Structure formats: C-alpha cells, structure tokens
Amino acid sequence: MKLLCLSIIFAVAFVVSLTTLARTGEANNSNTRGAAELYSKHCASCHGKDGRAKTLKAKLNHARDLTDSVWQDRTSDERLFNAIMNGKRKMPAFSKKLSEQEIDDLVSYIRVLKK
C-alpha cells in the first residue's frame, strides 16, 4: 500500500514537473518571438536586421553594432535597459512606446545577437 501511494505521488510530481517545463519553454519561445518582433519594428531600421549596423541609416546615425562581443561583455543589462528607455545620443527614448517588460525582453534579445 505504501509503495502504491509513493508511486502515485511520484507520478503526479513527474507530470506536474513536465507541465511546468513545457509552460516555461512556451513562455520563453513566446518572449523570444515577441522580442524579435519588437526589435524588427523599433530597432532594425538603425541597427540592422542582424544587429551589425551595416545599413546606410546606421552609418549616418553612428548606430552601435549590437553583435560586438567586446561591447556586449562591457555593457551591463541595466545600461542597455537605460539606453533603450531614455535614449542615448541620436537614439530615441522608447519609455513612452514600450513597457518595461518589453524593454527587458529587448535586452535579452540583444544578448542573443552577440557574435
């Protein structure tokens, strides 16, 4: 009887764990897709679709190459968040266009662009 109860508890715990992992994975995929869409809509025109800032507009505005691993290593998430939120030099502020969560998602997406 005890063995049966333990087996049932283990099975339920296993199913709950799998369900939680599946939901977490779905949320991460959804956040990544959402961040990619935000990047495409608000950032790609200056920083390029791939983040390398190789467009004419990027050169005219001196947009940062977001794939640069040295820059990525030296720049904190907080600094990236603040630059997106408040703008920097020719980069406009997005505090009135994007939520803090969307900006957090963009920071995470920019980290994925690292070479």
Protein backbone atom coordinates (compact mmCIF):
# COMPACT_ATOMS: atom_id res chain seq x y z
CA MET A 1 0.00 0.00 0.00
CA LYS A 2 2.79 2.42 0.91
CA LEU A 3 4.59 1.56 -2.31
CA LEU A 4 1.44 2.26 -4.33
CA CYS A 5 0.96 5.65 -2.61
CA LEU A 6 4.58 6.59 -3.21
CA SER A 7 4.29 5.57 -6.86
CA ILE A 8 1.19 7.71 -7.31
CA ILE A 9 2.85 10.70 -5.60
CA PHE A 10 5.94 10.28 -7.77
CA ALA A 11 3.83 10.05 -10.95
CA VAL A 12 1.84 13.18 -10.07
CA ALA A 13 5.02 15.10 -9.22
CA PHE A 14 6.58 13.99 -12.51
CA VAL A 15 3.56 15.14 -14.56
CA VAL A 16 3.47 18.48 -12.74
CA SER A 17 7.20 18.95 -13.43
CA LEU A 18 6.78 18.19 -17.13
CA THR A 19 3.81 20.56 -17.39
CA THR A 20 5.78 23.33 -15.69
CA LEU A 21 8.76 22.80 -18.00
CA ALA A 22 6.52 22.84 -21.06
CA ARG A 23 4.88 26.09 -19.97
CA THR A 24 8.27 27.68 -19.22
CA GLY A 25 9.53 26.67 -22.66
CA GLU A 26 6.41 28.09 -24.30
CA ALA A 27 6.83 31.35 -22.40
CA ASN A 28 10.50 31.62 -23.39
CA ASN A 29 9.68 30.94 -27.05
CA SER A 30 6.86 33.47 -26.89
CA ASN A 31 9.14 36.08 -25.27
CA THR A 32 11.83 35.46 -27.88
CA ARG A 33 9.35 35.79 -30.74
CA GLY A 34 7.85 38.91 -29.16
CA ALA A 35 11.28 40.44 -28.59
CA ALA A 36 12.31 39.64 -32.18
CA GLU A 37 9.17 41.39 -33.42
CA LEU A 38 9.86 44.40 -31.18
CA TYR A 39 13.46 44.51 -32.40
CA SER A 40 12.33 44.31 -36.03
CA LYS A 41 9.77 47.08 -35.53
CA HIS A 42 11.79 49.52 -33.39
CA CYS A 43 15.50 48.72 -33.75
CA ALA A 44 16.30 47.04 -37.06
CA SER A 45 15.97 50.20 -39.16
CA CYS A 46 19.08 51.61 -37.46
CA HIS A 47 20.91 48.58 -36.06
CA GLY A 48 20.12 46.26 -38.98
CA LYS A 49 18.11 43.04 -39.03
CA ASP A 50 21.14 41.13 -37.75
CA GLY A 51 22.25 43.83 -35.27
CA ARG A 52 25.51 44.56 -37.13
CA ALA A 53 24.56 48.19 -38.01
CA LYS A 54 25.67 47.83 -41.64
CA THR A 55 22.81 49.87 -43.13
CA LEU A 56 23.14 53.38 -44.60
CA LYS A 57 20.89 54.76 -41.87
CA ALA A 58 23.09 53.06 -39.25
CA LYS A 59 26.20 54.65 -40.66
CA LEU A 60 24.60 58.09 -40.81
CA ASN A 61 23.41 57.81 -37.20
CA HIS A 62 26.55 56.05 -35.91
CA ALA A 63 24.39 53.20 -34.62
CA ARG A 64 26.09 50.63 -32.42
CA ASP A 65 26.96 47.15 -33.72
CA LEU A 66 24.95 45.11 -31.22
CA THR A 67 26.79 41.90 -32.14
CA ASP A 68 30.17 43.18 -30.96
CA SER A 69 31.23 40.73 -28.25
CA VAL A 70 33.64 43.18 -26.59
CA TRP A 71 30.92 45.81 -26.27
CA GLN A 72 28.42 43.18 -25.08
CA ASP A 73 30.84 41.99 -22.38
CA ARG A 74 31.46 45.53 -21.14
CA THR A 75 27.84 46.66 -21.13
CA SER A 76 25.51 45.69 -18.30
CA ASP A 77 21.86 44.80 -18.77
CA GLU A 78 20.99 47.84 -16.67
CA ARG A 79 22.94 50.14 -19.01
CA LEU A 80 21.23 48.62 -22.07
CA PHE A 81 17.83 48.97 -20.40
CA ASN A 82 18.50 52.63 -19.58
CA ALA A 83 19.73 53.41 -23.11
CA ILE A 84 16.57 51.93 -24.62
CA MET A 85 14.33 53.56 -22.03
CA ASN A 86 15.87 57.05 -22.08
CA GLY A 87 17.67 57.18 -25.42
CA LYS A 88 21.31 57.99 -25.99
CA ARG A 89 22.85 60.47 -28.40
CA LYS A 90 20.89 60.05 -31.66
CA MET A 91 18.97 57.04 -30.37
CA PRO A 92 15.43 57.99 -29.34
CA ALA A 93 13.90 57.11 -25.98
CA PHE A 94 11.36 54.30 -26.01
CA SER A 95 9.93 54.81 -22.50
CA LYS A 96 6.62 56.05 -23.90
CA LYS A 97 6.40 53.44 -26.66
CA LEU A 98 7.42 50.26 -24.84
CA SER A 99 6.67 48.80 -21.43
CA GLU A 100 9.46 47.97 -19.00
CA GLN A 101 8.82 44.25 -19.69
CA GLU A 102 9.16 44.81 -23.44
CA ILE A 103 12.44 46.65 -22.87
CA ASP A 104 13.66 43.79 -20.64
CA ASP A 105 12.77 41.39 -23.45
CA LEU A 106 14.72 43.53 -25.93
CA VAL A 107 17.77 43.50 -23.65
CA SER A 108 17.60 39.70 -23.59
CA TYR A 109 17.19 39.59 -27.36
CA ILE A 110 20.19 41.89 -27.88
CA ARG A 111 22.27 39.47 -25.79
CA VAL A 112 21.38 36.71 -28.27
CA LEU A 113 22.87 38.77 -31.12
CA LYS A 114 26.40 38.54 -29.63
CA LYS A 115 28.99 37.06 -32.03
